């Protein structure tokens, strides 16, 4: 049987947790990326718009 792989990302907008979960996931997933700071800055500018 063929395995199916999928990714689920939930962003709770500080409703359930006190942080933007997408920001935290970006920090983790971009840990060793050479453009980490720039990409996280872009993500944060989007997630903090509301």
N, C-alpha and C. Protein backbone atom coordinates (compact mmCIF):
# COMPACT_ATOMS: atom_id res chain seq x y z
N UNK A 1 0.85 -1.18 0.00
CA UNK A 1 0.00 0.00 0.00
C UNK A 1 0.89 1.24 0.00
N UNK A 2 0.52 2.22 -0.79
CA UNK A 2 1.29 3.46 -0.88
C UNK A 2 1.02 4.35 0.33
N UNK A 3 2.11 4.83 0.94
CA UNK A 3 1.98 5.74 2.08
C UNK A 3 1.67 7.14 1.59
N UNK A 4 0.83 7.82 2.30
CA UNK A 4 0.54 9.22 1.99
C UNK A 4 1.17 10.09 3.06
N UNK A 5 1.92 11.07 2.62
CA UNK A 5 2.55 12.01 3.54
C UNK A 5 1.88 13.37 3.35
N UNK A 6 1.59 14.03 4.44
CA UNK A 6 0.99 15.35 4.35
C UNK A 6 1.45 16.18 5.54
N UNK A 7 1.33 17.46 5.38
CA UNK A 7 1.73 18.41 6.41
C UNK A 7 0.52 19.23 6.82
N UNK A 8 0.37 19.42 8.12
CA UNK A 8 -0.72 20.23 8.65
C UNK A 8 -0.11 21.35 9.47
N UNK A 9 -0.43 22.57 9.12
CA UNK A 9 0.06 23.73 9.87
C UNK A 9 -1.14 24.46 10.44
N UNK A 10 -1.14 24.65 11.73
CA UNK A 10 -2.21 25.39 12.40
C UNK A 10 -1.65 26.68 12.97
N UNK A 11 -2.28 27.77 12.68
CA UNK A 11 -1.85 29.06 13.23
C UNK A 11 -2.96 29.57 14.13
N UNK A 12 -2.70 29.57 15.40
CA UNK A 12 -3.74 29.89 16.38
C UNK A 12 -3.88 31.38 16.67
N UNK A 13 -3.07 32.24 16.09
CA UNK A 13 -3.19 33.69 16.28
C UNK A 13 -3.31 34.11 17.74
N UNK A 14 -2.56 33.49 18.58
CA UNK A 14 -2.55 33.80 20.02
C UNK A 14 -3.90 33.56 20.69
N UNK A 15 -4.78 32.81 20.05
CA UNK A 15 -6.07 32.49 20.65
C UNK A 15 -5.91 31.39 21.69
N UNK A 16 -5.18 30.35 21.33
CA UNK A 16 -4.96 29.23 22.24
C UNK A 16 -3.61 29.35 22.94
N UNK A 17 -2.61 29.79 22.22
CA UNK A 17 -1.26 29.97 22.77
C UNK A 17 -0.92 31.46 22.72
N UNK A 18 0.07 31.87 23.46
CA UNK A 18 0.40 33.29 23.56
C UNK A 18 1.42 33.76 22.53
N UNK A 19 1.69 32.95 21.51
CA UNK A 19 2.64 33.32 20.46
C UNK A 19 2.01 33.02 19.10
N UNK A 20 2.57 33.59 18.06
CA UNK A 20 2.17 33.24 16.70
C UNK A 20 2.84 31.90 16.38
N UNK A 21 2.06 30.86 16.25
CA UNK A 21 2.64 29.54 16.02
C UNK A 21 3.37 29.45 14.69
N UNK A 22 2.94 30.19 13.68
CA UNK A 22 3.63 30.16 12.40
C UNK A 22 5.03 30.74 12.52
N UNK A 23 5.21 31.76 13.35
CA UNK A 23 6.54 32.32 13.60
C UNK A 23 7.45 31.26 14.24
N UNK A 24 6.93 30.54 15.20
CA UNK A 24 7.71 29.50 15.88
C UNK A 24 8.06 28.38 14.92
N UNK A 25 7.10 27.95 14.11
CA UNK A 25 7.37 26.90 13.12
C UNK A 25 8.42 27.37 12.12
N UNK A 26 8.39 28.62 11.75
CA UNK A 26 9.40 29.16 10.83
C UNK A 26 10.79 29.11 11.47
N UNK A 27 10.88 29.49 12.73
CA UNK A 27 12.16 29.44 13.45
C UNK A 27 12.73 28.02 13.43
N UNK A 28 11.87 27.04 13.66
CA UNK A 28 12.31 25.65 13.71
C UNK A 28 12.69 25.15 12.32
N UNK A 29 11.83 25.39 11.34
CA UNK A 29 12.07 24.83 10.01
C UNK A 29 13.21 25.52 9.26
N UNK A 30 13.50 26.77 9.60
CA UNK A 30 14.58 27.50 8.93
C UNK A 30 15.87 27.53 9.76
N UNK A 31 15.97 26.66 10.74
CA UNK A 31 17.07 26.67 11.70
C UNK A 31 18.45 26.87 11.06
N UNK A 32 18.75 26.12 10.02
CA UNK A 32 20.08 26.19 9.40
C UNK A 32 20.05 26.85 8.02
N UNK A 33 18.99 27.51 7.69
CA UNK A 33 18.86 28.13 6.36
C UNK A 33 19.71 29.40 6.31
N UNK A 34 20.45 29.61 5.23
CA UNK A 34 21.31 30.80 5.14
C UNK A 34 20.55 32.13 5.12
N UNK A 35 19.29 32.12 4.72
CA UNK A 35 18.49 33.35 4.68
C UNK A 35 17.44 33.36 5.79
N UNK A 36 17.74 32.69 6.89
CA UNK A 36 16.78 32.54 7.99
C UNK A 36 16.23 33.88 8.47
N UNK A 37 17.08 34.82 8.77
CA UNK A 37 16.64 36.11 9.34
C UNK A 37 15.71 36.85 8.39
N UNK A 38 16.07 36.89 7.12
CA UNK A 38 15.26 37.59 6.13
C UNK A 38 13.90 36.93 5.95
N UNK A 39 13.90 35.63 5.87
CA UNK A 39 12.63 34.91 5.66
C UNK A 39 11.72 35.01 6.88
N UNK A 40 12.30 34.91 8.07
CA UNK A 40 11.49 35.03 9.28
C UNK A 40 10.92 36.44 9.39
N UNK A 41 11.70 37.43 9.01
CA UNK A 41 11.21 38.80 9.00
C UNK A 41 10.01 38.96 8.07
N UNK A 42 10.08 38.35 6.90
CA UNK A 42 8.97 38.39 5.95
C UNK A 42 7.74 37.69 6.51
N UNK A 43 7.94 36.55 7.13
CA UNK A 43 6.82 35.80 7.71
C UNK A 43 6.18 36.59 8.84
N UNK A 44 7.01 37.16 9.71
CA UNK A 44 6.47 37.93 10.83
C UNK A 44 5.70 39.15 10.36
N UNK A 45 6.17 39.78 9.29
CA UNK A 45 5.43 40.95 8.79
C UNK A 45 4.04 40.55 8.30
N UNK A 46 3.91 39.35 7.80
CA UNK A 46 2.60 38.85 7.36
C UNK A 46 1.73 38.40 8.53
N UNK A 47 2.32 37.66 9.46
CA UNK A 47 1.52 37.12 10.56
C UNK A 47 1.08 38.19 11.55
N UNK A 48 1.81 39.28 11.62
CA UNK A 48 1.46 40.32 12.59
C UNK A 48 0.49 41.35 12.03
N UNK A 49 0.01 41.12 10.81
CA UNK A 49 -0.98 42.02 10.21
C UNK A 49 -2.39 41.77 10.75
N UNK A 50 -2.55 40.67 11.43
CA UNK A 50 -3.86 40.40 12.01
C UNK A 50 -4.49 39.28 11.42
